[in-house]
């Protein structure tokens, strides 16, 4: 665990933005799903996950095209944000 925390402490602004944006997209999708679609926590959690996942994939494809390469640390930041956003949406809906 300490290696992960040390590794994350060296992240730049870009990686933090990846993490925060994916997490925010997941949470926003959960809120929209809860308000307009259903109140079932399973569906809300799946909606949050796939919204964050789709955003992360789209952002990395954009980076691949525009900057001629996606960074594996961007992927890691996306995954951490996706897990965090999905877990928070699960906690908020139960």
PDB file of N, CA and C in Angstrom:
ATOM      1  N   UNK A   1       0.828  -1.197   0.000  1.00  0.00           N
ATOM      2  CA  UNK A   1       0.000   0.000   0.000  1.00  0.00           C
ATOM      3  C   UNK A   1       0.867   1.253   0.000  1.00  0.00           C
ATOM      4  N   UNK A   2       1.967   1.215   0.737  1.00  0.00           N
ATOM      5  CA  UNK A   2       2.834   2.397   0.801  1.00  0.00           C
ATOM      6  C   UNK A   2       3.470   2.697  -0.556  1.00  0.00           C
ATOM      7  N   UNK A   3       3.726   1.656  -1.352  1.00  0.00           N
ATOM      8  CA  UNK A   3       4.287   1.875  -2.685  1.00  0.00           C
ATOM      9  C   UNK A   3       3.278   2.589  -3.581  1.00  0.00           C
ATOM     10  N   UNK A   4       2.000   2.230  -3.442  1.00  0.00           N
ATOM     11  CA  UNK A   4       0.954   2.887  -4.242  1.00  0.00           C
ATOM     12  C   UNK A   4       0.833   4.348  -3.853  1.00  0.00           C
ATOM     13  N   UNK A   5       0.825   4.627  -2.557  1.00  0.00           N
ATOM     14  CA  UNK A   5       0.726   6.010  -2.088  1.00  0.00           C
ATOM     15  C   UNK A   5       1.940   6.819  -2.529  1.00  0.00           C
ATOM     16  N   UNK A   6       3.123   6.215  -2.451  1.00  0.00           N
ATOM     17  CA  UNK A   6       4.335   6.914  -2.908  1.00  0.00           C
ATOM     18  C   UNK A   6       4.276   7.174  -4.405  1.00  0.00           C
ATOM     19  N   UNK A   7       3.805   6.191  -5.182  1.00  0.00           N
ATOM     20  CA  UNK A   7       3.693   6.344  -6.623  1.00  0.00           C
ATOM     21  C   UNK A   7       2.702   7.444  -6.976  1.00  0.00           C
ATOM     22  N   UNK A   8       1.565   7.475  -6.264  1.00  0.00           N
ATOM     23  CA  UNK A   8       0.558   8.500  -6.534  1.00  0.00           C
ATOM     24  C   UNK A   8       1.016   9.892  -6.117  1.00  0.00           C
ATOM     25  N   UNK A   9       1.906   9.983  -5.143  1.00  0.00           N
ATOM     26  CA  UNK A   9       2.378  11.293  -4.697  1.00  0.00           C
ATOM     27  C   UNK A   9       3.217  11.995  -5.759  1.00  0.00           C
ATOM     28  N   UNK A  10       3.705  11.251  -6.739  1.00  0.00           N
ATOM     29  CA  UNK A  10       4.507  11.846  -7.814  1.00  0.00           C
ATOM     30  C   UNK A  10       3.679  12.186  -9.049  1.00  0.00           C
ATOM     31  N   UNK A  11       2.364  12.045  -8.941  1.00  0.00           N
ATOM     32  CA  UNK A  11       1.501  12.375 -10.061  1.00  0.00           C
ATOM     33  C   UNK A  11       1.518  13.873 -10.297  1.00  0.00           C
ATOM     34  N   UNK A  12       1.442  14.230 -11.535  1.00  0.00           N
ATOM     35  CA  UNK A  12       1.323  15.634 -11.881  1.00  0.00           C
ATOM     36  C   UNK A  12      -0.137  16.046 -11.942  1.00  0.00           C
ATOM     37  N   UNK A  13      -0.334  17.273 -12.339  1.00  0.00           N
ATOM     38  CA  UNK A  13      -1.689  17.828 -12.433  1.00  0.00           C
ATOM     39  C   UNK A  13      -2.563  17.030 -13.397  1.00  0.00           C
ATOM     40  N   UNK A  14      -1.983  16.557 -14.489  1.00  0.00           N
ATOM     41  CA  UNK A  14      -2.725  15.817 -15.498  1.00  0.00           C
ATOM     42  C   UNK A  14      -3.331  14.538 -14.930  1.00  0.00           C
ATOM     43  N   UNK A  15      -2.564  13.798 -14.163  1.00  0.00           N
ATOM     44  CA  UNK A  15      -3.059  12.533 -13.611  1.00  0.00           C
ATOM     45  C   UNK A  15      -4.162  12.776 -12.590  1.00  0.00           C
ATOM     46  N   UNK A  16      -4.021  13.806 -11.801  1.00  0.00           N
ATOM     47  CA  UNK A  16      -5.048  14.144 -10.818  1.00  0.00           C
ATOM     48  C   UNK A  16      -6.333  14.542 -11.533  1.00  0.00           C
ATOM     49  N   UNK A  17      -6.205  15.271 -12.644  1.00  0.00           N
ATOM     50  CA  UNK A  17      -7.390  15.638 -13.422  1.00  0.00           C
ATOM     51  C   UNK A  17      -8.072  14.404 -14.020  1.00  0.00           C
ATOM     52  N   UNK A  18      -7.295  13.459 -14.512  1.00  0.00           N
ATOM     53  CA  UNK A  18      -7.870  12.217 -15.031  1.00  0.00           C
ATOM     54  C   UNK A  18      -8.675  11.525 -13.930  1.00  0.00           C
ATOM     55  N   UNK A  19      -8.071  11.373 -12.778  1.00  0.00           N
ATOM     56  CA  UNK A  19      -8.725  10.716 -11.646  1.00  0.00           C
ATOM     57  C   UNK A  19     -10.004  11.441 -11.247  1.00  0.00           C
ATOM     58  N   UNK A  20      -9.915  12.741 -11.085  1.00  0.00           N
ATOM     59  CA  UNK A  20     -11.072  13.515 -10.631  1.00  0.00           C
ATOM     60  C   UNK A  20     -12.189  13.581 -11.668  1.00  0.00           C
ATOM     61  N   UNK A  21     -11.827  13.726 -12.939  1.00  0.00           N
ATOM     62  CA  UNK A  21     -12.865  13.812 -13.981  1.00  0.00           C
ATOM     63  C   UNK A  21     -13.634  12.507 -14.132  1.00  0.00           C
ATOM     64  N   UNK A  22     -12.929  11.391 -14.136  1.00  0.00           N
ATOM     65  CA  UNK A  22     -13.614  10.108 -14.272  1.00  0.00           C
ATOM     66  C   UNK A  22     -14.513   9.871 -13.056  1.00  0.00           C
ATOM     67  N   UNK A  23     -14.016  10.207 -11.888  1.00  0.00           N
ATOM     68  CA  UNK A  23     -14.822  10.060 -10.676  1.00  0.00           C
ATOM     69  C   UNK A  23     -16.054  10.958 -10.721  1.00  0.00           C
ATOM     70  N   UNK A  24     -15.882  12.188 -11.147  1.00  0.00           N
ATOM     71  CA  UNK A  24     -17.005  13.129 -11.227  1.00  0.00           C
ATOM     72  C   UNK A  24     -18.033  12.693 -12.268  1.00  0.00           C
ATOM     73  N   UNK A  25     -17.581  12.185 -13.403  1.00  0.00           N
ATOM     74  CA  UNK A  25     -18.500  11.694 -14.436  1.00  0.00           C
ATOM     75  C   UNK A  25     -19.314  10.520 -13.894  1.00  0.00           C
ATOM     76  N   UNK A  26     -18.650   9.612 -13.182  1.00  0.00           N
ATOM     77  CA  UNK A  26     -19.360   8.480 -12.594  1.00  0.00           C
ATOM     78  C   UNK A  26     -20.423   8.934 -11.606  1.00  0.00           C
ATOM     79  N   UNK A  27     -20.060   9.857 -10.738  1.00  0.00           N
ATOM     80  CA  UNK A  27     -21.010  10.350  -9.747  1.00  0.00           C
ATOM     81  C   UNK A  27     -22.160  11.114 -10.401  1.00  0.00           C
ATOM     82  N   UNK A  28     -21.853  11.921 -11.412  1.00  0.00           N
ATOM     83  CA  UNK A  28     -22.903  12.661 -12.113  1.00  0.00           C
ATOM     84  C   UNK A  28     -23.871  11.702 -12.807  1.00  0.00           C
ATOM     85  N   UNK A  29     -23.333  10.666 -13.418  1.00  0.00           N
ATOM     86  CA  UNK A  29     -24.199   9.680 -14.072  1.00  0.00           C
ATOM     87  C   UNK A  29     -25.081   8.971 -13.059  1.00  0.00           C
ATOM     88  N   UNK A  30     -24.541   8.694 -11.888  1.00  0.00           N
ATOM     89  CA  UNK A  30     -25.341   8.058 -10.840  1.00  0.00           C
ATOM     90  C   UNK A  30     -26.476   8.971 -10.399  1.00  0.00           C
ATOM     91  N   UNK A  31     -26.191  10.246 -10.257  1.00  0.00           N
ATOM     92  CA  UNK A  31     -27.232  11.205  -9.859  1.00  0.00           C
ATOM     93  C   UNK A  31     -28.317  11.318 -10.913  1.00  0.00           C
ATOM     94  N   UNK A  32     -27.923  11.416 -12.167  1.00  0.00           N
ATOM     95  CA  UNK A  32     -28.901  11.517 -13.255  1.00  0.00           C
ATOM     96  C   UNK A  32     -29.741  10.248 -13.328  1.00  0.00           C
ATOM     97  N   UNK A  33     -29.093   9.110 -13.196  1.00  0.00           N
ATOM     98  CA  UNK A  33     -29.815   7.837 -13.244  1.00  0.00           C
ATOM     99  C   UNK A  33     -30.806   7.730 -12.090  1.00  0.00           C
ATOM    100  N   UNK A  34     -30.390   8.153 -10.911  1.00  0.00           N
ATOM    101  CA  UNK A  34     -31.290   8.083  -9.757  1.00  0.00           C
ATOM    102  C   UNK A  34     -32.457   9.049  -9.892  1.00  0.00           C
ATOM    103  N   UNK A  35     -32.212  10.231 -10.416  1.00  0.00           N
ATOM    104  CA  UNK A  35     -33.268  11.227 -10.541  1.00  0.00           C
ATOM    105  C   UNK A  35     -34.272  10.906 -11.651  1.00  0.00           C
ATOM    106  N   UNK A  36     -33.777  10.400 -12.777  1.00  0.00           N
ATOM    107  CA  UNK A  36     -34.634  10.278 -13.949  1.00  0.00           C
ATOM    108  C   UNK A  36     -34.949   8.851 -14.406  1.00  0.00           C
ATOM    109  N   UNK A  37     -34.214   7.858 -13.922  1.00  0.00           N
ATOM    110  CA  UNK A  37     -34.402   6.509 -14.453  1.00  0.00           C
ATOM    111  C   UNK A  37     -34.976   5.566 -13.400  1.00  0.00           C
ATOM    112  N   UNK A  38     -34.246   5.347 -12.331  1.00  0.00           N
ATOM    113  CA  UNK A  38     -34.661   4.357 -11.346  1.00  0.00           C
ATOM    114  C   UNK A  38     -34.040   4.666  -9.988  1.00  0.00           C
ATOM    115  N   UNK A  39     -34.554   4.027  -8.977  1.00  0.00           N
ATOM    116  CA  UNK A  39     -33.961   4.153  -7.647  1.00  0.00           C
ATOM    117  C   UNK A  39     -33.296   2.856  -7.204  1.00  0.00           C
ATOM    118  N   UNK A  40     -33.197   1.873  -8.091  1.00  0.00           N
ATOM    119  CA  UNK A  40     -32.539   0.612  -7.767  1.00  0.00           C
ATOM    120  C   UNK A  40     -31.028   0.807  -7.775  1.00  0.00           C
ATOM    121  N   UNK A  41     -30.411   0.487  -6.656  1.00  0.00           N
ATOM    122  CA  UNK A  41     -28.989   0.766  -6.496  1.00  0.00           C
ATOM    123  C   UNK A  41     -28.118  -0.019  -7.466  1.00  0.00           C
ATOM    124  N   UNK A  42     -28.546  -1.212  -7.872  1.00  0.00           N
ATOM    125  CA  UNK A  42     -27.743  -2.000  -8.802  1.00  0.00           C
ATOM    126  C   UNK A  42     -27.638  -1.305 -10.161  1.00  0.00           C
ATOM    127  N   UNK A  43     -28.746  -0.806 -10.643  1.00  0.00           N
ATOM    128  CA  UNK A  43     -28.765  -0.141 -11.950  1.00  0.00           C
ATOM    129  C   UNK A  43     -27.998   1.177 -11.883  1.00  0.00           C
ATOM    130  N   UNK A  44     -28.144   1.894 -10.799  1.00  0.00           N
ATOM    131  CA  UNK A  44     -27.431   3.160 -10.629  1.00  0.00           C
ATOM    132  C   UNK A  44     -25.922   2.927 -10.610  1.00  0.00           C
ATOM    133  N   UNK A  45     -25.481   1.886  -9.916  1.00  0.00           N
ATOM    134  CA  UNK A  45     -24.052   1.571  -9.840  1.00  0.00           C
ATOM    135  C   UNK A  45     -23.497   1.180 -11.208  1.00  0.00           C
ATOM    136  N   UNK A  46     -24.240   0.373 -11.946  1.00  0.00           N
ATOM    137  CA  UNK A  46     -23.807  -0.023 -13.291  1.00  0.00           C
ATOM    138  C   UNK A  46     -23.746   1.196 -14.213  1.00  0.00           C
ATOM    139  N   UNK A  47     -24.728   2.060 -14.101  1.00  0.00           N
ATOM    140  CA  UNK A  47     -24.753   3.284 -14.900  1.00  0.00           C
ATOM    141  C   UNK A  47     -23.533   4.162 -14.587  1.00  0.00           C
ATOM    142  N   UNK A  48     -23.228   4.301 -13.309  1.00  0.00           N
ATOM    143  CA  UNK A  48     -22.062   5.099 -12.897  1.00  0.00           C
ATOM    144  C   UNK A  48     -20.775   4.499 -13.443  1.00  0.00           C
ATOM    145  N   UNK A  49     -20.643   3.184 -13.350  1.00  0.00           N
ATOM    146  CA  UNK A  49     -19.439   2.522 -13.842  1.00  0.00           C
ATOM    147  C   UNK A  49     -19.258   2.725 -15.337  1.00  0.00           C
ATOM    148  N   UNK A  50     -20.304   2.438 -16.107  1.00  0.00           N
ATOM    149  CA  UNK A  50     -20.159   2.519 -17.556  1.00  0.00           C
ATOM    150  C   UNK A  50     -20.007   3.949 -18.066  1.00  0.00           C
ATOM    151  N   UNK A  51     -20.594   4.904 -17.395  1.00  0.00           N
ATOM    152  CA  UNK A  51     -20.393   6.303 -17.801  1.00  0.00           C
ATOM    153  C   UNK A  51     -18.938   6.717 -17.579  1.00  0.00           C
ATOM    154  N   UNK A  52     -18.390   6.392 -16.423  1.00  0.00           N
ATOM    155  CA  UNK A  52     -16.982   6.704 -16.149  1.00  0.00           C
ATOM    156  C   UNK A  52     -16.052   5.946 -17.070  1.00  0.00           C
ATOM    157  N   UNK A  53     -16.362   4.679 -17.339  1.00  0.00           N
ATOM    158  CA  UNK A  53     -15.556   3.855 -18.224  1.00  0.00           C
ATOM    159  C   UNK A  53     -15.551   4.416 -19.647  1.00  0.00           C
ATOM    160  N   UNK A  54     -16.726   4.788 -20.138  1.00  0.00           N
ATOM    161  CA  UNK A  54     -16.824   5.341 -21.494  1.00  0.00           C
ATOM    162  C   UNK A  54     -16.042   6.655 -21.603  1.00  0.00           C
ATOM    163  N   UNK A  55     -16.142   7.490 -20.573  1.00  0.00           N
ATOM    164  CA  UNK A  55     -15.387   8.748 -20.591  1.00  0.00           C
ATOM    165  C   UNK A  55     -13.883   8.475 -20.592  1.00  0.00           C
ATOM    166  N   UNK A  56     -13.437   7.540 -19.758  1.00  0.00           N
ATOM    167  CA  UNK A  56     -12.009   7.226 -19.685  1.00  0.00           C
ATOM    168  C   UNK A  56     -11.489   6.697 -21.019  1.00  0.00           C
ATOM    169  N   UNK A  57     -12.240   5.800 -21.641  1.00  0.00           N
ATOM    170  CA  UNK A  57     -11.831   5.254 -22.947  1.00  0.00           C
ATOM    171  C   UNK A  57     -11.783   6.371 -23.985  1.00  0.00           C
ATOM    172  N   UNK A  58     -12.815   7.205 -23.998  1.00  0.00           N
ATOM    173  CA  UNK A  58     -12.845   8.318 -24.956  1.00  0.00           C
ATOM    174  C   UNK A  58     -11.686   9.279 -24.763  1.00  0.00           C
ATOM    175  N   UNK A  59     -11.362   9.579 -23.528  1.00  0.00           N
ATOM    176  CA  UNK A  59     -10.253  10.497 -23.248  1.00  0.00           C
ATOM    177  C   UNK A  59      -8.925   9.896 -23.688  1.00  0.00           C
ATOM    178  N   UNK A  60      -8.738   8.615 -23.461  1.00  0.00           N
ATOM    179  CA  UNK A  60      -7.477   7.988 -23.874  1.00  0.00           C
ATOM    180  C   UNK A  60      -7.377   7.858 -25.393  1.00  0.00           C
ATOM    181  N   UNK A  61      -8.481   7.629 -26.064  1.00  0.00           N
ATOM    182  CA  UNK A  61      -8.462   7.622 -27.532  1.00  0.00           C
ATOM    183  C   UNK A  61      -8.115   9.014 -28.057  1.00  0.00           C
ATOM    184  N   UNK A  62      -8.700  10.026 -27.431  1.00  0.00           N
ATOM    185  CA  UNK A  62      -8.380  11.408 -27.803  1.00  0.00           C
ATOM    186  C   UNK A  62      -6.890  11.689 -27.595  1.00  0.00           C
ATOM    187  N   UNK A  63      -6.341  11.283 -26.452  1.00  0.00           N
ATOM    188  CA  UNK A  63      -4.918  11.484 -26.188  1.00  0.00           C
ATOM    189  C   UNK A  63      -4.048  10.734 -27.195  1.00  0.00           C
ATOM    190  N   UNK A  64      -4.483   9.534 -27.567  1.00  0.00           N
ATOM    191  CA  UNK A  64      -3.733   8.742 -28.544  1.00  0.00           C
ATOM    192  C   UNK A  64      -3.685   9.460 -29.893  1.00  0.00           C
ATOM    193  N   UNK A  65      -4.792  10.039 -30.301  1.00  0.00           N
ATOM    194  CA  UNK A  65      -4.853  10.727 -31.596  1.00  0.00           C
ATOM    195  C   UNK A  65      -4.130  12.067 -31.545  1.00  0.00           C
ATOM    196  N   UNK A  66      -4.427  12.871 -30.525  1.00  0.00           N
ATOM    197  CA  UNK A  66      -3.882  14.220 -30.464  1.00  0.00           C
ATOM    198  C   UNK A  66      -2.403  14.245 -30.071  1.00  0.00           C
ATOM    199  N   UNK A  67      -2.035  13.449 -29.082  1.00  0.00           N
ATOM    200  CA  UNK A  67      -0.673  13.506 -28.552  1.00  0.00           C
ATOM    201  C   UNK A  67       0.187  12.325 -28.991  1.00  0.00           C
ATOM    202  N   UNK A  68      -0.321  11.507 -29.886  1.00  0.00           N
ATOM    203  CA  UNK A  68       0.415  10.356 -30.441  1.00  0.00           C
ATOM    204  C   UNK A  68       0.840   9.366 -29.359  1.00  0.00           C
ATOM    205  N   UNK A  69      -0.016   9.157 -28.405  1.00  0.00           N
ATOM    206  CA  UNK A  69       0.280   8.134 -27.404  1.00  0.00           C
ATOM    207  C   UNK A  69      -0.464   8.363 -26.108  1.00  0.00           C
ATOM    208  N   UNK A  70      -0.997   7.288 -25.581  1.00  0.00           N
ATOM    209  CA  UNK A  70      -1.644   7.344 -24.278  1.00  0.00           C
ATOM    210  C   UNK A  70      -0.642   6.850 -23.242  1.00  0.00           C
ATOM    211  N   UNK A  71      -0.676   7.443 -22.097  1.00  0.00           N
ATOM    212  CA  UNK A  71       0.250   7.127 -21.025  1.00  0.00           C
ATOM    213  C   UNK A  71      -0.367   6.080 -20.109  1.00  0.00           C
ATOM    214  N   UNK A  72       0.414   5.065 -19.725  1.00  0.00           N
ATOM    215  CA  UNK A  72      -0.132   4.038 -18.840  1.00  0.00           C
ATOM    216  C   UNK A  72      -0.480   4.604 -17.462  1.00  0.00           C
ATOM    217  N   UNK A  73       0.168   5.675 -17.070  1.00  0.00           N
ATOM    218  CA  UNK A  73      -0.190   6.320 -15.800  1.00  0.00           C
ATOM    219  C   UNK A  73      -1.535   7.037 -15.924  1.00  0.00           C
ATOM    220  N   UNK A  74      -1.884   7.511 -17.114  1.00  0.00           N
ATOM    221  CA  UNK A  74      -3.225   8.060 -17.337  1.00  0.00           C
ATOM    222  C   UNK A  74      -4.278   6.963 -17.157  1.00  0.00           C
ATOM    223  N   UNK A  75      -3.993   5.782 -17.701  1.00  0.00           N
ATOM    224  CA  UNK A  75      -4.913   4.665 -17.539  1.00  0.00           C
ATOM    225  C   UNK A  75      -5.094   4.319 -16.071  1.00  0.00           C
ATOM    226  N   UNK A  76      -3.978   4.304 -15.339  1.00  0.00           N
ATOM    227  CA  UNK A  76      -4.048   3.991 -13.907  1.00  0.00           C
ATOM    228  C   UNK A  76      -4.881   5.029 -13.167  1.00  0.00           C
ATOM    229  N   UNK A  77      -4.687   6.290 -13.492  1.00  0.00           N
ATOM    230  CA  UNK A  77      -5.460   7.357 -12.856  1.00  0.00           C
ATOM    231  C   UNK A  77      -6.941   7.232 -13.216  1.00  0.00           C
ATOM    232  N   UNK A  78      -7.219   6.869 -14.471  1.00  0.00           N
ATOM    233  CA  UNK A  78      -8.610   6.652 -14.887  1.00  0.00           C
ATOM    234  C   UNK A  78      -9.252   5.518 -14.099  1.00  0.00           C
ATOM    235  N   UNK A  79      -8.528   4.439 -13.929  1.00  0.00           N
ATOM    236  CA  UNK A  79      -9.072   3.289 -13.204  1.00  0.00           C
ATOM    237  C   UNK A  79      -9.318   3.632 -11.739  1.00  0.00           C
ATOM    238  N   UNK A  80      -8.398   4.338 -11.125  1.00  0.00           N
ATOM    239  CA  UNK A  80      -8.585   4.738  -9.727  1.00  0.00           C
ATOM    240  C   UNK A  80      -9.801   5.657  -9.602  1.00  0.00           C
ATOM    241  N   UNK A  81      -9.945   6.599 -10.513  1.00  0.00           N
ATOM    242  CA  UNK A  81     -11.114   7.477 -10.500  1.00  0.00           C
ATOM    243  C   UNK A  81     -12.403   6.717 -10.749  1.00  0.00           C
ATOM    244  N   UNK A  82     -12.351   5.724 -11.630  1.00  0.00           N
ATOM    245  CA  UNK A  82     -13.525   4.915 -11.923  1.00  0.00           C
ATOM    246  C   UNK A  82     -13.962   4.109 -10.697  1.00  0.00           C
ATOM    247  N   UNK A  83     -13.010   3.507 -10.035  1.00  0.00           N
ATOM    248  CA  UNK A  83     -13.329   2.735  -8.832  1.00  0.00           C
ATOM    249  C   UNK A  83     -13.874   3.654  -7.744  1.00  0.00           C
ATOM    250  N   UNK A  84     -13.218   4.788  -7.557  1.00  0.00           N
ATOM    251  CA  UNK A  84     -13.660   5.730  -6.526  1.00  0.00           C
ATOM    252  C   UNK A  84     -15.064   6.262  -6.826  1.00  0.00           C
ATOM    253  N   UNK A  85     -15.317   6.673  -8.047  1.00  0.00           N
ATOM    254  CA  UNK A  85     -16.627   7.201  -8.412  1.00  0.00           C
ATOM    255  C   UNK A  85     -17.724   6.163  -8.305  1.00  0.00           C
ATOM    256  N   UNK A  86     -17.428   4.932  -8.723  1.00  0.00           N
ATOM    257  CA  UNK A  86     -18.420   3.867  -8.646  1.00  0.00           C
ATOM    258  C   UNK A  86     -18.711   3.505  -7.186  1.00  0.00           C
ATOM    259  N   UNK A  87     -17.676   3.411  -6.372  1.00  0.00           N
ATOM    260  CA  UNK A  87     -17.893   3.097  -4.961  1.00  0.00           C
ATOM    261  C   UNK A  87     -18.669   4.201  -4.251  1.00  0.00           C
ATOM    262  N   UNK A  88     -18.332   5.436  -4.525  1.00  0.00           N
ATOM    263  CA  UNK A  88     -19.073   6.552  -3.905  1.00  0.00           C
ATOM    264  C   UNK A  88     -20.534   6.550  -4.350  1.00  0.00           C
ATOM    265  N   UNK A  89     -20.777   6.263  -5.621  1.00  0.00           N
ATOM    266  CA  UNK A  89     -22.171   6.211  -6.082  1.00  0.00           C
ATOM    267  C   UNK A  89     -22.915   5.067  -5.411  1.00  0.00           C
ATOM    268  N   UNK A  90     -22.232   3.953  -5.193  1.00  0.00           N
ATOM    269  CA  UNK A  90     -22.846   2.832  -4.491  1.00  0.00           C
ATOM    270  C   UNK A  90     -23.173   3.212  -3.046  1.00  0.00           C
ATOM    271  N   UNK A  91     -22.240   3.852  -2.377  1.00  0.00           N
ATOM    272  CA  UNK A  91     -22.457   4.265  -0.984  1.00  0.00           C
ATOM    273  C   UNK A  91     -23.594   5.272  -0.893  1.00  0.00           C
ATOM    274  N   UNK A  92     -23.645   6.195  -1.828  1.00  0.00           N
ATOM    275  CA  UNK A  92     -24.679   7.232  -1.778  1.00  0.00           C
ATOM    276  C   UNK A  92     -26.073   6.713  -2.103  1.00  0.00           C
ATOM    277  N   UNK A  93     -26.170   5.604  -2.816  1.00  0.00           N
ATOM    278  CA  UNK A  93     -27.490   5.115  -3.216  1.00  0.00           C
ATOM    279  C   UNK A  93     -28.048   4.032  -2.310  1.00  0.00           C
ATOM    280  N   UNK A  94     -27.250   3.464  -1.471  1.00  0.00           N
ATOM    281  CA  UNK A  94     -27.753   2.396  -0.576  1.00  0.00           C
ATOM    282  C   UNK A  94     -28.432   3.008   0.626  1.00  0.00           C
TER     283      UNK A  94
END
